[in-house]
Amino acid sequence: MAKSPLAGRVKRRLAASIGATSAARFYRTCLAHTLMRLGRDPRWRTLLAVSPDRDVRAPHWPRGIRRLPQGGGDLGARIQRAFRRLPPGPAIIVGSDIPAIKASDIARAFRLLGNGDAVLGRAPDGGYWLVGLRRSPRLLAPFANVRWSGPHALGDTLRNLQGHRVPFAATLSDVDSEEDYLRLRGNWQRLIPPG
């Protein structure tokens, strides 16, 4: 899941404290890093769910990675729509602002999903950076009434998944605030090429 990496469109909470240009630069770097690490891995097929929808054909996206529009609604509606549109089989959706993400995290999440109905990757702020669904024999719909962008997102989603097997992938941090940005600076600054 990704937003067009343009100043004023991404990381608005972060931009309020570090400025829109710096927030967009961080986001572009993190998105490029995520696609570089995950996008060409032969163990899965990578698709990029893009917002806003009109930017699905914008020139700033990398070549060779299929894009689909996220559509409208809250984050839960957009994630659920993406799961419905993906090719058959187990699927995992990740955010695009997780500096420490590695292909091994995704491979492990797919292994966990093999014995679960869903898989979640916790974030320290009470949300999650990864969600996967087996999608067979039916597609679960765990995103209704989730309080997004706060400490309740994981708990609300788990409540919706009650009675299902939900193992946990790695715990990783996303970057939403200046505190996150400074705390994880070493993770994302090394991603920026010198010069």
C-alpha atoms as a PDB file:
ATOM      1  CA  MET A   1       0.000   0.000   0.000  1.00  0.00           C
ATOM      2  CA  ALA A   2       1.493   3.324  -1.024  1.00  0.00           C
ATOM      3  CA  LYS A   3       0.548   6.929  -1.509  1.00  0.00           C
ATOM      4  CA  SER A   4       2.012   9.063  -4.257  1.00  0.00           C
ATOM      5  CA  PRO A   5       5.318  10.212  -2.732  1.00  0.00           C
ATOM      6  CA  LEU A   6       4.693  13.938  -3.141  1.00  0.00           C
ATOM      7  CA  ALA A   7       5.147  16.688  -0.558  1.00  0.00           C
ATOM      8  CA  GLY A   8       1.853  17.537   1.075  1.00  0.00           C
ATOM      9  CA  ARG A   9       0.288  14.147   0.235  1.00  0.00           C
ATOM     10  CA  VAL A  10       2.305  11.828   2.461  1.00  0.00           C
ATOM     11  CA  LYS A  11       3.268  11.593   6.129  1.00  0.00           C
ATOM     12  CA  ARG A  12       1.173  14.624   7.139  1.00  0.00           C
ATOM     13  CA  ARG A  13       1.573  14.071  10.882  1.00  0.00           C
ATOM     14  CA  LEU A  14       5.325  13.812  10.427  1.00  0.00           C
ATOM     15  CA  ALA A  15       5.342  16.811   8.074  1.00  0.00           C
ATOM     16  CA  ALA A  16       3.714  18.961  10.767  1.00  0.00           C
ATOM     17  CA  SER A  17       6.950  18.770  12.768  1.00  0.00           C
ATOM     18  CA  ILE A  18       9.748  18.242  10.198  1.00  0.00           C
ATOM     19  CA  GLY A  19       8.252  19.929   7.142  1.00  0.00           C
ATOM     20  CA  ALA A  20       6.493  18.558   4.068  1.00  0.00           C
ATOM     21  CA  THR A  21       9.649  18.344   1.945  1.00  0.00           C
ATOM     22  CA  SER A  22      11.608  16.347   4.533  1.00  0.00           C
ATOM     23  CA  ALA A  23       8.633  14.076   5.203  1.00  0.00           C
ATOM     24  CA  ALA A  24       8.190  13.401   1.475  1.00  0.00           C
ATOM     25  CA  ARG A  25      11.918  12.730   1.077  1.00  0.00           C
ATOM     26  CA  PHE A  26      11.777  10.235   3.930  1.00  0.00           C
ATOM     27  CA  TYR A  27       8.710   8.555   2.423  1.00  0.00           C
ATOM     28  CA  ARG A  28      10.207   8.333  -1.086  1.00  0.00           C
ATOM     29  CA  THR A  29      13.367   6.809   0.364  1.00  0.00           C
ATOM     30  CA  CYS A  30      11.478   4.301   2.480  1.00  0.00           C
ATOM     31  CA  LEU A  31       9.138   3.346  -0.377  1.00  0.00           C
ATOM     32  CA  ALA A  32      12.052   2.867  -2.776  1.00  0.00           C
ATOM     33  CA  HIS A  33      13.860   0.779  -0.160  1.00  0.00           C
ATOM     34  CA  THR A  34      10.779  -1.396   0.411  1.00  0.00           C
ATOM     35  CA  LEU A  35      10.311  -2.008  -3.309  1.00  0.00           C
ATOM     36  CA  MET A  36      14.019  -2.686  -3.782  1.00  0.00           C
ATOM     37  CA  ARG A  37      14.069  -5.274  -0.997  1.00  0.00           C
ATOM     38  CA  LEU A  38      10.716  -6.922  -1.686  1.00  0.00           C
ATOM     39  CA  GLY A  39       9.659  -6.102  -5.227  1.00  0.00           C
ATOM     40  CA  ARG A  40      11.795  -8.510  -7.197  1.00  0.00           C
ATOM     41  CA  ASP A  41      11.884 -11.438  -4.781  1.00  0.00           C
ATOM     42  CA  PRO A  42      10.966 -14.607  -6.729  1.00  0.00           C
ATOM     43  CA  ARG A  43       9.129 -16.135  -3.746  1.00  0.00           C
ATOM     44  CA  TRP A  44       6.120 -13.869  -4.292  1.00  0.00           C
ATOM     45  CA  ARG A  45       4.608 -11.449  -6.748  1.00  0.00           C
ATOM     46  CA  THR A  46       4.595  -7.792  -5.709  1.00  0.00           C
ATOM     47  CA  LEU A  47       1.755  -5.441  -6.558  1.00  0.00           C
ATOM     48  CA  LEU A  48       1.551  -1.803  -5.515  1.00  0.00           C
ATOM     49  CA  ALA A  49      -1.848  -0.546  -4.302  1.00  0.00           C
ATOM     50  CA  VAL A  50      -1.717   3.182  -5.077  1.00  0.00           C
ATOM     51  CA  SER A  51      -3.493   6.223  -3.666  1.00  0.00           C
ATOM     52  CA  PRO A  52      -4.854   8.469  -5.050  1.00  0.00           C
ATOM     53  CA  ASP A  53      -6.327   6.294  -7.761  1.00  0.00           C
ATOM     54  CA  ARG A  54      -5.630   8.846 -10.522  1.00  0.00           C
ATOM     55  CA  ASP A  55      -1.883   8.425  -9.870  1.00  0.00           C
ATOM     56  CA  VAL A  56      -1.818   4.730 -10.746  1.00  0.00           C
ATOM     57  CA  ARG A  57      -0.147   5.624 -14.069  1.00  0.00           C
ATOM     58  CA  ALA A  58       2.029   8.455 -12.727  1.00  0.00           C
ATOM     59  CA  PRO A  59       5.682   8.415 -13.855  1.00  0.00           C
ATOM     60  CA  HIS A  60       7.110   8.403 -10.321  1.00  0.00           C
ATOM     61  CA  TRP A  61       6.377   4.705  -9.753  1.00  0.00           C
ATOM     62  CA  PRO A  62       9.047   2.121 -10.554  1.00  0.00           C
ATOM     63  CA  ARG A  63       8.774   0.183 -13.774  1.00  0.00           C
ATOM     64  CA  GLY A  64       8.032  -3.510 -13.740  1.00  0.00           C
ATOM     65  CA  ILE A  65       5.767  -3.532 -10.678  1.00  0.00           C
ATOM     66  CA  ARG A  66       2.066  -3.781 -11.422  1.00  0.00           C
ATOM     67  CA  ARG A  67      -0.078  -1.112  -9.797  1.00  0.00           C
ATOM     68  CA  LEU A  68      -3.733  -1.089  -8.834  1.00  0.00           C
ATOM     69  CA  PRO A  69      -5.845   1.711  -7.358  1.00  0.00           C
ATOM     70  CA  GLN A  70      -6.717   1.550  -3.668  1.00  0.00           C
ATOM     71  CA  GLY A  71     -10.166   3.091  -4.143  1.00  0.00           C
ATOM     72  CA  GLY A  72     -12.048   5.131  -1.570  1.00  0.00           C
ATOM     73  CA  GLY A  73     -12.945   4.671   2.064  1.00  0.00           C
ATOM     74  CA  ASP A  74     -10.961   4.349   5.248  1.00  0.00           C
ATOM     75  CA  LEU A  75      -7.787   2.288   5.458  1.00  0.00           C
ATOM     76  CA  GLY A  76      -9.738  -0.855   6.314  1.00  0.00           C
ATOM     77  CA  ALA A  77     -11.981  -0.539   3.244  1.00  0.00           C
ATOM     78  CA  ARG A  78      -8.927   0.002   1.033  1.00  0.00           C
ATOM     79  CA  ILE A  79      -7.059  -2.994   2.492  1.00  0.00           C
ATOM     80  CA  GLN A  80     -10.130  -5.234   2.149  1.00  0.00           C
ATOM     81  CA  ARG A  81     -10.572  -4.109  -1.472  1.00  0.00           C
ATOM     82  CA  ALA A  82      -6.925  -4.893  -2.221  1.00  0.00           C
ATOM     83  CA  PHE A  83      -7.319  -8.409  -0.798  1.00  0.00           C
ATOM     84  CA  ARG A  84     -10.380  -8.940  -3.013  1.00  0.00           C
ATOM     85  CA  ARG A  85      -8.518  -7.773  -6.144  1.00  0.00           C
ATOM     86  CA  LEU A  86      -5.337  -9.789  -5.651  1.00  0.00           C
ATOM     87  CA  PRO A  87      -4.724 -13.020  -7.564  1.00  0.00           C
ATOM     88  CA  PRO A  88      -5.875 -16.250  -5.840  1.00  0.00           C
ATOM     89  CA  GLY A  89      -3.935 -17.645  -2.907  1.00  0.00           C
ATOM     90  CA  PRO A  90      -2.528 -16.351   0.366  1.00  0.00           C
ATOM     91  CA  ALA A  91      -1.673 -12.654   0.325  1.00  0.00           C
ATOM     92  CA  ILE A  92       0.215 -10.218   2.509  1.00  0.00           C
ATOM     93  CA  ILE A  93      -0.108  -6.443   2.534  1.00  0.00           C
ATOM     94  CA  VAL A  94       2.549  -4.201   4.054  1.00  0.00           C
ATOM     95  CA  GLY A  95       2.894  -0.504   4.636  1.00  0.00           C
ATOM     96  CA  SER A  96       5.463   1.546   2.764  1.00  0.00           C
ATOM     97  CA  ASP A  97       6.998   3.388   5.725  1.00  0.00           C
ATOM     98  CA  ILE A  98       8.783   0.598   7.601  1.00  0.00           C
ATOM     99  CA  PRO A  99      12.530   1.320   7.391  1.00  0.00           C
ATOM    100  CA  ALA A 100      13.700  -2.009   8.835  1.00  0.00           C
ATOM    101  CA  ILE A 101      11.594  -4.263   6.594  1.00  0.00           C
ATOM    102  CA  LYS A 102      13.429  -7.238   5.065  1.00  0.00           C
ATOM    103  CA  ALA A 103      12.476  -9.977   2.629  1.00  0.00           C
ATOM    104  CA  SER A 104      13.044 -12.512   5.414  1.00  0.00           C
ATOM    105  CA  ASP A 105      10.223 -10.834   7.406  1.00  0.00           C
ATOM    106  CA  ILE A 106       7.831 -11.406   4.514  1.00  0.00           C
ATOM    107  CA  ALA A 107       9.004 -14.986   3.931  1.00  0.00           C
ATOM    108  CA  ARG A 108       8.436 -15.779   7.614  1.00  0.00           C
ATOM    109  CA  ALA A 109       4.980 -14.177   7.518  1.00  0.00           C
ATOM    110  CA  PHE A 110       4.023 -16.366   4.548  1.00  0.00           C
ATOM    111  CA  ARG A 111       5.240 -19.456   6.456  1.00  0.00           C
ATOM    112  CA  LEU A 112       3.147 -18.434   9.474  1.00  0.00           C
ATOM    113  CA  LEU A 113       0.136 -17.880   7.243  1.00  0.00           C
ATOM    114  CA  GLY A 114       0.464 -21.494   6.114  1.00  0.00           C
ATOM    115  CA  ASN A 115      -0.782 -22.551   9.566  1.00  0.00           C
ATOM    116  CA  GLY A 116      -3.059 -19.616  10.238  1.00  0.00           C
ATOM    117  CA  ASP A 117      -6.135 -17.896   8.899  1.00  0.00           C
ATOM    118  CA  ALA A 118      -4.438 -14.510   9.130  1.00  0.00           C
ATOM    119  CA  VAL A 119      -1.046 -13.151  10.140  1.00  0.00           C
ATOM    120  CA  LEU A 120      -0.236  -9.767  11.662  1.00  0.00           C
ATOM    121  CA  GLY A 121       3.035  -7.901  12.151  1.00  0.00           C
ATOM    122  CA  ARG A 122       2.764  -5.762  15.254  1.00  0.00           C
ATOM    123  CA  ALA A 123       3.971  -2.187  15.454  1.00  0.00           C
ATOM    124  CA  PRO A 124       5.007  -0.792  18.856  1.00  0.00           C
ATOM    125  CA  ASP A 125       2.386   1.983  18.643  1.00  0.00           C
ATOM    126  CA  GLY A 126      -0.563  -0.443  18.861  1.00  0.00           C
ATOM    127  CA  GLY A 127      -1.052  -0.814  15.129  1.00  0.00           C
ATOM    128  CA  TYR A 128       0.443  -3.195  12.628  1.00  0.00           C
ATOM    129  CA  TRP A 129       2.744  -2.947   9.627  1.00  0.00           C
ATOM    130  CA  LEU A 130       1.736  -6.245   7.970  1.00  0.00           C
ATOM    131  CA  VAL A 131      -1.503  -8.132   7.507  1.00  0.00           C
ATOM    132  CA  GLY A 132      -1.909 -11.383   5.644  1.00  0.00           C
ATOM    133  CA  LEU A 133      -4.965 -13.471   4.883  1.00  0.00           C
ATOM    134  CA  ARG A 134      -5.131 -17.057   3.704  1.00  0.00           C
ATOM    135  CA  ARG A 135      -8.228 -16.183   1.570  1.00  0.00           C
ATOM    136  CA  SER A 136      -9.330 -19.806   1.392  1.00  0.00           C
ATOM    137  CA  PRO A 137     -11.902 -21.271   1.828  1.00  0.00           C
ATOM    138  CA  ARG A 138     -13.239 -17.706   2.103  1.00  0.00           C
ATOM    139  CA  LEU A 139     -11.908 -14.183   2.432  1.00  0.00           C
ATOM    140  CA  LEU A 140     -12.111 -12.911   6.001  1.00  0.00           C
ATOM    141  CA  ALA A 141     -13.175  -9.300   6.575  1.00  0.00           C
ATOM    142  CA  PRO A 142     -11.388  -8.193   9.775  1.00  0.00           C
ATOM    143  CA  PHE A 143     -11.229  -4.434   9.158  1.00  0.00           C
ATOM    144  CA  ALA A 144     -14.709  -3.194  10.128  1.00  0.00           C
ATOM    145  CA  ASN A 145     -14.868  -0.665  12.972  1.00  0.00           C
ATOM    146  CA  VAL A 146     -11.085  -0.526  13.389  1.00  0.00           C
ATOM    147  CA  ARG A 147      -9.820   2.685  14.957  1.00  0.00           C
ATOM    148  CA  TRP A 148      -6.936   3.456  12.605  1.00  0.00           C
ATOM    149  CA  SER A 149      -3.848   5.588  13.296  1.00  0.00           C
ATOM    150  CA  GLY A 150      -3.843   4.975  17.006  1.00  0.00           C
ATOM    151  CA  PRO A 151      -3.181   2.474  19.770  1.00  0.00           C
ATOM    152  CA  HIS A 152      -6.354   0.433  19.121  1.00  0.00           C
ATOM    153  CA  ALA A 153      -5.883  -0.735  15.518  1.00  0.00           C
ATOM    154  CA  LEU A 154      -4.280  -4.087  16.372  1.00  0.00           C
ATOM    155  CA  GLY A 155      -6.717  -4.853  19.202  1.00  0.00           C
ATOM    156  CA  ASP A 156      -9.748  -3.948  17.095  1.00  0.00           C
ATOM    157  CA  THR A 157      -8.535  -6.150  14.226  1.00  0.00           C
ATOM    158  CA  LEU A 158      -7.813  -9.062  16.569  1.00  0.00           C
ATOM    159  CA  ARG A 159     -11.313  -8.719  18.005  1.00  0.00           C
ATOM    160  CA  ASN A 160     -12.673  -9.046  14.457  1.00  0.00           C
ATOM    161  CA  LEU A 161     -10.535 -12.177  13.992  1.00  0.00           C
ATOM    162  CA  GLN A 162     -11.715 -13.863  17.195  1.00  0.00           C
ATOM    163  CA  GLY A 163     -12.030 -17.615  16.701  1.00  0.00           C
ATOM    164  CA  HIS A 164      -9.439 -17.654  13.911  1.00  0.00           C
ATOM    165  CA  ARG A 165      -5.775 -18.676  14.056  1.00  0.00           C
ATOM    166  CA  VAL A 166      -3.657 -15.506  13.950  1.00  0.00           C
ATOM    167  CA  PRO A 167       0.104 -15.928  14.430  1.00  0.00           C
ATOM    168  CA  PHE A 168       2.358 -12.883  14.671  1.00  0.00           C
ATOM    169  CA  ALA A 169       5.185 -11.959  12.344  1.00  0.00           C
ATOM    170  CA  ALA A 170       8.066  -9.730  13.432  1.00  0.00           C
ATOM    171  CA  THR A 171       7.394  -6.536  15.354  1.00  0.00           C
ATOM    172  CA  LEU A 172       8.588  -3.559  13.297  1.00  0.00           C
ATOM    173  CA  SER A 173       8.111   0.185  13.569  1.00  0.00           C
ATOM    174  CA  ASP A 174       6.573   2.510  11.060  1.00  0.00           C
ATOM    175  CA  VAL A 175       7.322   6.241  11.119  1.00  0.00           C
ATOM    176  CA  ASP A 176       4.393   8.488  11.959  1.00  0.00           C
ATOM    177  CA  SER A 177       5.843  11.112  14.282  1.00  0.00           C
ATOM    178  CA  GLU A 178       9.002  13.151  14.748  1.00  0.00           C
ATOM    179  CA  GLU A 179       9.867  10.878  17.681  1.00  0.00           C
ATOM    180  CA  ASP A 180       9.679   7.804  15.379  1.00  0.00           C
ATOM    181  CA  TYR A 181      11.650   9.671  12.718  1.00  0.00           C
ATOM    182  CA  LEU A 182      14.473  10.516  15.133  1.00  0.00           C
ATOM    183  CA  ARG A 183      14.457   7.133  16.903  1.00  0.00           C
ATOM    184  CA  LEU A 184      14.698   5.216  13.615  1.00  0.00           C
ATOM    185  CA  ARG A 185      16.988   7.700  11.872  1.00  0.00           C
ATOM    186  CA  GLY A 186      19.841   5.195  11.627  1.00  0.00           C
ATOM    187  CA  ASN A 187      17.546   2.710   9.837  1.00  0.00           C
ATOM    188  CA  TRP A 188      16.416   5.045   7.088  1.00  0.00           C
ATOM    189  CA  GLN A 189      19.378   7.436   6.685  1.00  0.00           C
ATOM    190  CA  ARG A 190      21.633   4.633   5.506  1.00  0.00           C
ATOM    191  CA  LEU A 191      19.118   4.054   2.700  1.00  0.00           C
ATOM    192  CA  ILE A 192      19.762   7.487   1.182  1.00  0.00           C
ATOM    193  CA  PRO A 193      22.549   7.334  -1.380  1.00  0.00           C
ATOM    194  CA  PRO A 194      25.411   9.793  -0.695  1.00  0.00           C
ATOM    195  CA  GLY A 195      25.642  12.998  -2.708  1.00  0.00           C
END
